[in-house]
């Protein structure tokens, strides 16, 4: 596990999972929302984002959290040696977006650029939820099914599997002396 792509629908806990995985493995973490957006939620120019993304991809080790854009998504999944697909039930994603909206007024959400507009970003997440579930999630499922023979694939389908995933990774790190 040297190049890890963490992906899935909005509100699935990808940023929290990625941060903890980085702490366990020591792999550098790159949060696409923070690369794609500046403080306050203003988007960086598309070419600047793509250049930054490409620089990360060619480095030796990384954990990349998030979506970015359709063009960089598939490049990243192809380059990764390990795929972590957070594929929780849609209602869990929806509930966690709601929780993030409420708590975001008191504590900035994990993985978001500083001073992000909580309401606007949360409304965007609600719009993305159904669209991702309907159009992108089936493509993700198909991709990881095909990738299982050549990559480490972790398909997380329940909140319980999140903690089981960390137990597995911590055990592997201890065995490798990491």
N, C-alpha and C. Protein backbone atom coordinates (compact mmCIF):
# COMPACT_ATOMS: atom_id res chain seq x y z
N UNK A 1 0.85 -1.18 0.00
CA UNK A 1 0.00 0.00 0.00
C UNK A 1 0.90 1.24 0.00
N UNK A 2 1.05 1.80 -1.20
CA UNK A 2 1.89 3.00 -1.35
C UNK A 2 1.11 4.16 -1.98
N UNK A 3 0.18 3.82 -2.88
CA UNK A 3 -0.63 4.82 -3.56
C UNK A 3 -2.09 4.44 -3.37
N UNK A 4 -2.79 5.22 -2.55
CA UNK A 4 -4.13 4.86 -2.10
C UNK A 4 -5.14 5.91 -2.56
N UNK A 5 -6.18 5.47 -3.25
CA UNK A 5 -7.28 6.34 -3.64
C UNK A 5 -8.48 6.03 -2.75
N UNK A 6 -8.99 7.03 -2.07
CA UNK A 6 -10.18 6.90 -1.22
C UNK A 6 -11.30 7.66 -1.92
N UNK A 7 -12.37 6.96 -2.23
CA UNK A 7 -13.44 7.56 -3.04
C UNK A 7 -14.79 6.99 -2.65
N UNK A 8 -15.85 7.66 -3.11
CA UNK A 8 -17.21 7.25 -2.82
C UNK A 8 -18.10 8.49 -2.80
N UNK A 9 -19.34 8.29 -2.44
CA UNK A 9 -20.33 9.35 -2.44
C UNK A 9 -20.04 10.37 -1.35
N UNK A 10 -20.69 11.52 -1.44
CA UNK A 10 -20.56 12.59 -0.45
C UNK A 10 -21.01 12.11 0.93
N UNK A 11 -20.37 12.65 1.95
CA UNK A 11 -20.81 12.37 3.32
C UNK A 11 -20.55 10.97 3.81
N UNK A 12 -19.61 10.25 3.21
CA UNK A 12 -19.33 8.88 3.63
C UNK A 12 -18.22 8.74 4.66
N UNK A 13 -17.64 9.85 5.06
CA UNK A 13 -16.55 9.79 6.04
C UNK A 13 -15.18 9.54 5.40
N UNK A 14 -15.05 9.84 4.12
CA UNK A 14 -13.79 9.60 3.41
C UNK A 14 -12.63 10.40 3.99
N UNK A 15 -12.88 11.66 4.32
CA UNK A 15 -11.80 12.50 4.84
C UNK A 15 -11.34 12.03 6.22
N UNK A 16 -12.27 11.67 7.06
CA UNK A 16 -11.92 11.16 8.39
C UNK A 16 -11.16 9.84 8.25
N UNK A 17 -11.64 8.96 7.39
CA UNK A 17 -10.97 7.68 7.13
C UNK A 17 -9.56 7.92 6.59
N UNK A 18 -9.42 8.82 5.63
CA UNK A 18 -8.13 9.10 5.01
C UNK A 18 -7.13 9.64 6.02
N UNK A 19 -7.59 10.55 6.86
CA UNK A 19 -6.71 11.13 7.88
C UNK A 19 -6.20 10.05 8.83
N UNK A 20 -7.08 9.20 9.29
CA UNK A 20 -6.68 8.13 10.21
C UNK A 20 -5.75 7.14 9.50
N UNK A 21 -6.04 6.82 8.25
CA UNK A 21 -5.18 5.91 7.48
C UNK A 21 -3.79 6.50 7.33
N UNK A 22 -3.70 7.79 7.07
CA UNK A 22 -2.41 8.46 6.96
C UNK A 22 -1.65 8.38 8.28
N UNK A 23 -2.35 8.56 9.39
CA UNK A 23 -1.71 8.47 10.71
C UNK A 23 -1.18 7.06 10.97
N UNK A 24 -1.92 6.05 10.57
CA UNK A 24 -1.50 4.66 10.80
C UNK A 24 -0.33 4.28 9.91
N UNK A 25 -0.40 4.64 8.63
CA UNK A 25 0.59 4.17 7.65
C UNK A 25 1.77 5.12 7.47
N UNK A 26 1.59 6.38 7.83
CA UNK A 26 2.64 7.37 7.58
C UNK A 26 2.66 7.87 6.14
N UNK A 27 1.72 7.43 5.32
CA UNK A 27 1.65 7.90 3.93
C UNK A 27 1.14 9.34 3.91
N UNK A 28 1.70 10.17 3.01
CA UNK A 28 1.22 11.56 2.93
C UNK A 28 -0.21 11.62 2.40
N UNK A 29 -0.99 12.51 3.00
CA UNK A 29 -2.40 12.66 2.64
C UNK A 29 -2.61 13.92 1.82
N UNK A 30 -3.34 13.77 0.73
CA UNK A 30 -3.73 14.88 -0.13
C UNK A 30 -5.25 14.90 -0.22
N UNK A 31 -5.83 16.00 0.20
CA UNK A 31 -7.28 16.16 0.23
C UNK A 31 -7.67 17.01 -0.98
N UNK A 32 -8.37 16.41 -1.93
CA UNK A 32 -8.68 17.10 -3.17
C UNK A 32 -9.53 18.35 -2.98
N UNK A 33 -10.43 18.34 -2.01
CA UNK A 33 -11.24 19.54 -1.78
C UNK A 33 -10.36 20.73 -1.42
N UNK A 34 -9.25 20.46 -0.70
CA UNK A 34 -8.35 21.54 -0.30
C UNK A 34 -7.41 21.95 -1.44
N UNK A 35 -7.23 21.08 -2.41
CA UNK A 35 -6.40 21.39 -3.57
C UNK A 35 -7.23 22.10 -4.62
N UNK A 36 -8.48 21.70 -4.73
CA UNK A 36 -9.39 22.25 -5.75
C UNK A 36 -9.99 23.59 -5.33
N UNK A 37 -10.06 23.84 -4.03
CA UNK A 37 -10.68 25.06 -3.52
C UNK A 37 -9.72 25.79 -2.60
N UNK A 38 -9.83 27.10 -2.62
CA UNK A 38 -9.07 27.95 -1.72
C UNK A 38 -9.89 28.21 -0.46
N UNK A 39 -9.29 28.87 0.49
CA UNK A 39 -10.01 29.29 1.68
C UNK A 39 -11.27 30.05 1.26
N UNK A 40 -12.37 29.77 1.90
CA UNK A 40 -13.63 30.41 1.57
C UNK A 40 -14.43 29.70 0.49
N UNK A 41 -13.84 28.63 -0.08
CA UNK A 41 -14.57 27.82 -1.05
C UNK A 41 -14.39 28.23 -2.49
N UNK A 42 -13.57 29.26 -2.78
CA UNK A 42 -13.36 29.68 -4.16
C UNK A 42 -12.52 28.64 -4.89
N UNK A 43 -12.98 28.22 -6.08
CA UNK A 43 -12.28 27.19 -6.85
C UNK A 43 -11.00 27.75 -7.46
N UNK A 44 -9.94 26.92 -7.44
CA UNK A 44 -8.71 27.29 -8.14
C UNK A 44 -8.94 27.04 -9.63
N UNK A 45 -8.16 27.67 -10.50
CA UNK A 45 -8.31 27.40 -11.93
C UNK A 45 -8.12 25.91 -12.23
N UNK A 46 -8.93 25.39 -13.13
CA UNK A 46 -8.92 23.97 -13.46
C UNK A 46 -7.52 23.47 -13.83
N UNK A 47 -6.79 24.23 -14.63
CA UNK A 47 -5.45 23.79 -15.05
C UNK A 47 -4.50 23.69 -13.85
N UNK A 48 -4.64 24.59 -12.87
CA UNK A 48 -3.81 24.54 -11.67
C UNK A 48 -4.12 23.30 -10.83
N UNK A 49 -5.41 23.01 -10.69
CA UNK A 49 -5.80 21.80 -9.98
C UNK A 49 -5.23 20.55 -10.66
N UNK A 50 -5.39 20.45 -11.98
CA UNK A 50 -4.93 19.26 -12.72
C UNK A 50 -3.41 19.11 -12.63
N UNK A 51 -2.68 20.21 -12.66
CA UNK A 51 -1.23 20.16 -12.53
C UNK A 51 -0.83 19.66 -11.14
N UNK A 52 -1.47 20.19 -10.11
CA UNK A 52 -1.20 19.74 -8.74
C UNK A 52 -1.53 18.26 -8.59
N UNK A 53 -2.63 17.83 -9.16
CA UNK A 53 -3.04 16.42 -9.09
C UNK A 53 -2.00 15.54 -9.78
N UNK A 54 -1.53 15.94 -10.94
CA UNK A 54 -0.55 15.16 -11.68
C UNK A 54 0.76 15.04 -10.90
N UNK A 55 1.18 16.11 -10.23
CA UNK A 55 2.41 16.08 -9.42
C UNK A 55 2.29 15.06 -8.29
N UNK A 56 1.11 14.98 -7.71
CA UNK A 56 0.88 13.99 -6.65
C UNK A 56 0.95 12.58 -7.24
N UNK A 57 0.27 12.36 -8.36
CA UNK A 57 0.22 11.02 -8.96
C UNK A 57 1.60 10.46 -9.27
N UNK A 58 2.53 11.28 -9.69
CA UNK A 58 3.86 10.78 -10.06
C UNK A 58 4.78 10.60 -8.86
N UNK A 59 4.36 11.05 -7.68
CA UNK A 59 5.17 10.84 -6.49
C UNK A 59 5.07 9.37 -6.04
N UNK A 60 5.99 8.97 -5.18
CA UNK A 60 6.11 7.55 -4.79
C UNK A 60 5.02 7.05 -3.85
N UNK A 61 4.50 7.93 -3.02
CA UNK A 61 3.53 7.51 -2.02
C UNK A 61 2.48 8.58 -1.84
N UNK A 62 1.24 8.15 -1.66
CA UNK A 62 0.17 9.09 -1.38
C UNK A 62 -1.11 8.38 -0.97
N UNK A 63 -1.89 9.14 -0.25
CA UNK A 63 -3.31 8.84 -0.04
C UNK A 63 -4.03 10.06 -0.62
N UNK A 64 -4.91 9.83 -1.57
CA UNK A 64 -5.69 10.93 -2.15
C UNK A 64 -7.15 10.71 -1.78
N UNK A 65 -7.69 11.72 -1.12
CA UNK A 65 -9.07 11.68 -0.63
C UNK A 65 -9.94 12.58 -1.49
N UNK A 66 -11.00 12.01 -2.07
CA UNK A 66 -11.99 12.84 -2.71
C UNK A 66 -12.21 12.56 -4.18
N UNK A 67 -13.00 13.43 -4.78
CA UNK A 67 -13.43 13.27 -6.16
C UNK A 67 -12.58 14.08 -7.13
N UNK A 68 -12.47 15.38 -6.89
CA UNK A 68 -11.74 16.25 -7.82
C UNK A 68 -12.60 16.58 -9.02
N UNK A 69 -12.37 15.85 -10.11
CA UNK A 69 -13.21 15.99 -11.30
C UNK A 69 -13.16 14.65 -12.04
N UNK A 70 -14.08 14.47 -12.97
CA UNK A 70 -14.19 13.19 -13.66
C UNK A 70 -12.89 12.81 -14.37
N UNK A 71 -12.25 13.78 -14.98
CA UNK A 71 -11.02 13.51 -15.72
C UNK A 71 -9.90 12.97 -14.82
N UNK A 72 -9.72 13.59 -13.65
CA UNK A 72 -8.63 13.14 -12.77
C UNK A 72 -9.02 11.91 -11.96
N UNK A 73 -10.29 11.70 -11.76
CA UNK A 73 -10.76 10.53 -11.00
C UNK A 73 -10.21 9.23 -11.58
N UNK A 74 -10.44 9.00 -12.86
CA UNK A 74 -10.04 7.72 -13.45
C UNK A 74 -8.53 7.59 -13.57
N UNK A 75 -7.83 8.71 -13.78
CA UNK A 75 -6.36 8.68 -13.78
C UNK A 75 -5.86 8.20 -12.42
N UNK A 76 -6.45 8.74 -11.36
CA UNK A 76 -6.06 8.41 -9.99
C UNK A 76 -6.35 6.95 -9.66
N UNK A 77 -7.54 6.49 -10.01
CA UNK A 77 -7.89 5.10 -9.71
C UNK A 77 -6.97 4.15 -10.46
N UNK A 78 -6.62 4.50 -11.68
CA UNK A 78 -5.71 3.64 -12.46
C UNK A 78 -4.31 3.62 -11.87
N UNK A 79 -3.86 4.74 -11.35
CA UNK A 79 -2.49 4.85 -10.81
C UNK A 79 -2.35 4.23 -9.43
N UNK A 80 -3.43 4.20 -8.67
CA UNK A 80 -3.40 3.68 -7.29
C UNK A 80 -3.11 2.19 -7.27
N UNK A 81 -2.38 1.76 -6.23
CA UNK A 81 -2.21 0.32 -6.01
C UNK A 81 -3.26 -0.20 -5.03
N UNK A 82 -3.90 0.73 -4.32
CA UNK A 82 -4.92 0.37 -3.33
C UNK A 82 -6.12 1.29 -3.49
N UNK A 83 -7.30 0.68 -3.53
CA UNK A 83 -8.56 1.41 -3.69
C UNK A 83 -9.42 1.21 -2.45
N UNK A 84 -9.88 2.31 -1.89
CA UNK A 84 -10.81 2.23 -0.75
C UNK A 84 -12.09 2.91 -1.21
N UNK A 85 -13.08 2.09 -1.47
CA UNK A 85 -14.38 2.58 -1.96
C UNK A 85 -15.36 2.58 -0.79
N UNK A 86 -15.74 3.78 -0.35
CA UNK A 86 -16.71 3.93 0.74
C UNK A 86 -18.09 3.94 0.09
N UNK A 87 -18.81 2.86 0.27
CA UNK A 87 -20.08 2.60 -0.43
C UNK A 87 -21.15 2.24 0.59
N UNK A 88 -21.42 3.19 1.47
CA UNK A 88 -22.41 2.97 2.53
C UNK A 88 -23.81 3.12 1.96
N UNK A 89 -24.83 2.64 2.68
CA UNK A 89 -26.20 2.86 2.21
C UNK A 89 -26.46 4.36 2.03
N UNK A 90 -27.28 4.69 1.04
CA UNK A 90 -27.54 6.09 0.70
C UNK A 90 -28.04 6.89 1.91
N UNK A 91 -28.88 6.28 2.74
CA UNK A 91 -29.40 7.01 3.90
C UNK A 91 -28.30 7.39 4.87
N UNK A 92 -27.24 6.57 4.98
CA UNK A 92 -26.11 6.90 5.87
C UNK A 92 -25.38 8.12 5.32
N UNK A 93 -25.10 8.11 4.02
CA UNK A 93 -24.46 9.27 3.41
C UNK A 93 -25.31 10.53 3.65
N UNK A 94 -26.61 10.43 3.46
CA UNK A 94 -27.51 11.57 3.66
C UNK A 94 -27.50 12.05 5.10
N UNK A 95 -27.54 11.12 6.04
CA UNK A 95 -27.53 11.48 7.45
C UNK A 95 -26.21 12.16 7.81
N UNK A 96 -25.09 11.63 7.30
CA UNK A 96 -23.79 12.20 7.63
C UNK A 96 -23.60 13.58 6.99
N UNK A 97 -24.18 13.82 5.82
CA UNK A 97 -24.16 15.17 5.24
C UNK A 97 -24.94 16.11 6.16
N UNK A 98 -26.08 15.66 6.66
CA UNK A 98 -26.89 16.48 7.57
C UNK A 98 -26.14 16.77 8.86
N UNK A 99 -25.50 15.73 9.41
CA UNK A 99 -24.72 15.90 10.64
C UNK A 99 -23.58 16.90 10.42
N UNK A 100 -22.92 16.77 9.27
CA UNK A 100 -21.81 17.67 8.94
C UNK A 100 -22.31 19.11 8.79
N UNK A 101 -23.51 19.27 8.21
CA UNK A 101 -24.11 20.60 8.07
C UNK A 101 -24.32 21.23 9.45
N UNK A 102 -24.89 20.47 10.36
CA UNK A 102 -25.20 20.99 11.70
C UNK A 102 -23.92 21.27 12.49
N UNK A 103 -23.03 20.30 12.55
CA UNK A 103 -21.80 20.47 13.35
C UNK A 103 -20.81 21.41 12.68
N UNK A 104 -20.94 21.59 11.35
CA UNK A 104 -20.01 22.45 10.62
C UNK A 104 -20.05 23.90 11.06
N UNK A 105 -21.12 24.31 11.67
CA UNK A 105 -21.20 25.68 12.18
C UNK A 105 -20.38 25.86 13.45
N UNK A 106 -20.03 24.75 14.10
CA UNK A 106 -19.27 24.80 15.35
C UNK A 106 -17.82 24.36 15.16
N UNK A 107 -17.61 23.42 14.22
CA UNK A 107 -16.27 22.89 13.97
C UNK A 107 -16.16 22.63 12.47
N UNK A 108 -15.12 23.18 11.83
CA UNK A 108 -15.00 22.97 10.38
C UNK A 108 -14.96 21.48 10.02
N UNK A 109 -15.67 21.08 8.96
CA UNK A 109 -15.67 19.68 8.56
C UNK A 109 -14.28 19.20 8.17
N UNK A 110 -13.98 17.96 8.51
CA UNK A 110 -12.71 17.32 8.16
C UNK A 110 -12.55 17.35 6.64
N UNK A 111 -11.39 17.79 6.18
CA UNK A 111 -11.10 17.75 4.76
C UNK A 111 -11.61 18.92 3.94
N UNK A 112 -12.26 19.88 4.58
CA UNK A 112 -12.77 21.04 3.85
C UNK A 112 -11.78 22.18 3.96
N UNK A 113 -11.67 23.02 2.92
CA UNK A 113 -10.82 24.21 3.02
C UNK A 113 -11.33 25.13 4.13
N UNK A 114 -10.42 25.91 4.70
CA UNK A 114 -10.84 26.81 5.78
C UNK A 114 -11.88 27.80 5.28
N UNK A 115 -12.75 28.18 6.18
CA UNK A 115 -13.82 29.16 5.89
C UNK A 115 -14.74 28.75 4.75
N UNK A 116 -14.92 27.44 4.57
CA UNK A 116 -15.84 26.97 3.53
C UNK A 116 -17.26 27.38 3.89
N UNK A 117 -18.05 27.75 2.90
CA UNK A 117 -19.45 28.11 3.17
C UNK A 117 -20.25 26.83 3.48
N UNK A 118 -20.54 26.63 4.73
CA UNK A 118 -21.15 25.37 5.21
C UNK A 118 -22.48 25.09 4.52
N UNK A 119 -23.38 26.06 4.50
CA UNK A 119 -24.70 25.83 3.92
C UNK A 119 -24.61 25.54 2.43
N UNK A 120 -23.91 26.40 1.69
CA UNK A 120 -23.80 26.21 0.24
C UNK A 120 -23.13 24.88 -0.10
N UNK A 121 -22.06 24.55 0.62
CA UNK A 121 -21.35 23.29 0.37
C UNK A 121 -22.21 22.08 0.72
N UNK A 122 -22.98 22.19 1.79
CA UNK A 122 -23.85 21.08 2.19
C UNK A 122 -24.98 20.89 1.19
N UNK A 123 -25.56 21.98 0.71
CA UNK A 123 -26.61 21.87 -0.31
C UNK A 123 -26.05 21.21 -1.57
N UNK A 124 -24.83 21.55 -1.91
CA UNK A 124 -24.17 20.91 -3.05
C UNK A 124 -24.00 19.41 -2.80
N UNK A 125 -23.63 19.05 -1.57
CA UNK A 125 -23.48 17.63 -1.22
C UNK A 125 -24.80 16.89 -1.36
N UNK A 126 -25.91 17.52 -0.94
CA UNK A 126 -27.21 16.88 -1.10
C UNK A 126 -27.53 16.62 -2.57
N UNK A 127 -27.21 17.60 -3.44
CA UNK A 127 -27.44 17.41 -4.87
C UNK A 127 -26.59 16.27 -5.42
N UNK A 128 -25.35 16.20 -4.97
CA UNK A 128 -24.41 15.18 -5.45
C UNK A 128 -24.84 13.78 -5.00
N UNK A 129 -25.42 13.68 -3.81
CA UNK A 129 -25.76 12.36 -3.25
C UNK A 129 -26.52 11.47 -4.23
N UNK A 130 -27.63 11.97 -4.72
CA UNK A 130 -28.46 11.15 -5.60
C UNK A 130 -27.80 10.93 -6.94
N UNK A 131 -27.19 11.99 -7.49
CA UNK A 131 -26.53 11.87 -8.80
C UNK A 131 -25.40 10.85 -8.76
N UNK A 132 -24.59 10.92 -7.73
CA UNK A 132 -23.49 9.96 -7.58
C UNK A 132 -24.05 8.55 -7.40
N UNK A 133 -25.05 8.43 -6.54
CA UNK A 133 -25.64 7.11 -6.28
C UNK A 133 -26.19 6.49 -7.56
N UNK A 134 -26.84 7.29 -8.36
CA UNK A 134 -27.50 6.78 -9.57
C UNK A 134 -26.52 6.53 -10.71
N UNK A 135 -25.55 7.43 -10.91
CA UNK A 135 -24.70 7.35 -12.10
C UNK A 135 -23.27 6.88 -11.84
N UNK A 136 -22.65 7.36 -10.75
CA UNK A 136 -21.24 7.07 -10.55
C UNK A 136 -21.00 5.82 -9.70
N UNK A 137 -21.81 5.61 -8.68
CA UNK A 137 -21.62 4.44 -7.82
C UNK A 137 -21.63 3.13 -8.61
N UNK A 138 -22.54 2.93 -9.56
CA UNK A 138 -22.47 1.69 -10.35
C UNK A 138 -21.15 1.55 -11.13
N UNK A 139 -20.63 2.67 -11.62
CA UNK A 139 -19.34 2.63 -12.33
C UNK A 139 -18.21 2.30 -11.37
N UNK A 140 -18.25 2.88 -10.16
CA UNK A 140 -17.26 2.55 -9.13
C UNK A 140 -17.29 1.05 -8.83
N UNK A 141 -18.49 0.51 -8.64
CA UNK A 141 -18.62 -0.91 -8.30
C UNK A 141 -18.05 -1.79 -9.41
N UNK A 142 -18.34 -1.43 -10.64
CA UNK A 142 -17.83 -2.18 -11.78
C UNK A 142 -16.30 -2.08 -11.84
N UNK A 143 -15.78 -0.90 -11.60
CA UNK A 143 -14.33 -0.68 -11.65
C UNK A 143 -13.60 -1.54 -10.61
N UNK A 144 -14.08 -1.49 -9.36
CA UNK A 144 -13.37 -2.25 -8.32
C UNK A 144 -13.50 -3.75 -8.53
N UNK A 145 -14.62 -4.18 -9.09
CA UNK A 145 -14.79 -5.60 -9.40
C UNK A 145 -13.69 -6.05 -10.36
N UNK A 146 -13.44 -5.25 -11.38
CA UNK A 146 -12.41 -5.59 -12.36
C UNK A 146 -11.00 -5.42 -11.80
N UNK A 147 -10.82 -4.48 -10.88
CA UNK A 147 -9.49 -4.16 -10.36
C UNK A 147 -9.01 -5.12 -9.27
N UNK A 148 -9.91 -5.92 -8.72
CA UNK A 148 -9.56 -6.77 -7.58
C UNK A 148 -8.38 -7.71 -7.86
N UNK A 149 -8.20 -8.12 -9.09
CA UNK A 149 -7.12 -9.07 -9.39
C UNK A 149 -5.76 -8.39 -9.48
N UNK A 150 -5.73 -7.05 -9.61
CA UNK A 150 -4.44 -6.38 -9.77
C UNK A 150 -4.16 -5.31 -8.71
N UNK A 151 -5.12 -5.02 -7.86
CA UNK A 151 -4.95 -3.98 -6.83
C UNK A 151 -5.51 -4.48 -5.50
N UNK A 152 -5.06 -3.83 -4.42
CA UNK A 152 -5.70 -4.04 -3.13
C UNK A 152 -7.01 -3.26 -3.15
N UNK A 153 -8.11 -3.96 -2.97
CA UNK A 153 -9.42 -3.30 -3.02
C UNK A 153 -10.12 -3.51 -1.68
N UNK A 154 -10.56 -2.40 -1.10
CA UNK A 154 -11.33 -2.41 0.15
C UNK A 154 -12.67 -1.77 -0.16
N UNK A 155 -13.71 -2.58 -0.21
CA UNK A 155 -15.06 -2.10 -0.52
C UNK A 155 -15.82 -2.01 0.79
N UNK A 156 -15.94 -0.82 1.32
CA UNK A 156 -16.55 -0.60 2.63
C UNK A 156 -18.03 -0.31 2.44
N UNK A 157 -18.87 -1.25 2.93
CA UNK A 157 -20.31 -1.16 2.71
C UNK A 157 -21.12 -0.89 3.98
N UNK A 158 -20.45 -0.82 5.13
CA UNK A 158 -21.17 -0.55 6.38
C UNK A 158 -20.26 0.21 7.34
N UNK A 159 -20.87 0.85 8.32
CA UNK A 159 -20.06 1.58 9.30
C UNK A 159 -19.19 0.60 10.10
N UNK A 160 -19.68 -0.59 10.33
CA UNK A 160 -18.89 -1.60 11.05
C UNK A 160 -17.62 -1.96 10.26
N UNK A 161 -17.73 -2.01 8.94
CA UNK A 161 -16.57 -2.35 8.12
C UNK A 161 -15.49 -1.27 8.17
N UNK A 162 -15.85 -0.05 8.54
CA UNK A 162 -14.84 1.01 8.67
C UNK A 162 -13.89 0.65 9.81
N UNK A 163 -14.43 0.29 10.96
CA UNK A 163 -13.56 -0.07 12.09
C UNK A 163 -12.80 -1.37 11.81
N UNK A 164 -13.44 -2.31 11.12
CA UNK A 164 -12.75 -3.55 10.75
C UNK A 164 -11.58 -3.26 9.79
N UNK A 165 -11.77 -2.31 8.90
CA UNK A 165 -10.72 -1.91 7.98
C UNK A 165 -9.50 -1.40 8.76
N UNK A 166 -9.74 -0.52 9.74
CA UNK A 166 -8.63 0.02 10.53
C UNK A 166 -7.93 -1.06 11.34
N UNK A 167 -8.68 -2.00 11.88
CA UNK A 167 -8.06 -3.12 12.62
C UNK A 167 -7.14 -3.90 11.68
N UNK A 168 -7.59 -4.17 10.48
CA UNK A 168 -6.79 -4.90 9.49
C UNK A 168 -5.52 -4.14 9.13
N UNK A 169 -5.64 -2.86 8.86
CA UNK A 169 -4.48 -2.05 8.47
C UNK A 169 -3.49 -1.92 9.62
N UNK A 170 -3.99 -1.72 10.83
CA UNK A 170 -3.09 -1.63 11.99
C UNK A 170 -2.35 -2.95 12.20
N UNK A 171 -3.03 -4.06 12.01
CA UNK A 171 -2.40 -5.38 12.14
C UNK A 171 -1.31 -5.54 11.07
N UNK A 172 -1.63 -5.18 9.82
CA UNK A 172 -0.66 -5.29 8.74
C UNK A 172 0.56 -4.41 8.98
N UNK A 173 0.34 -3.21 9.52
CA UNK A 173 1.44 -2.29 9.80
C UNK A 173 2.35 -2.86 10.88
N UNK A 174 1.77 -3.47 11.91
CA UNK A 174 2.57 -4.09 12.98
C UNK A 174 3.38 -5.25 12.44
N UNK A 175 2.77 -6.06 11.58
CA UNK A 175 3.47 -7.22 10.99
C UNK A 175 4.63 -6.78 10.11
N UNK A 176 4.48 -5.63 9.45
CA UNK A 176 5.53 -5.13 8.55
C UNK A 176 6.53 -4.27 9.32
N UNK A 177 6.30 -4.09 10.61
CA UNK A 177 7.20 -3.28 11.42
C UNK A 177 7.05 -1.79 11.19
N UNK A 178 5.87 -1.39 10.67
CA UNK A 178 5.62 0.02 10.34
C UNK A 178 5.11 0.82 11.42
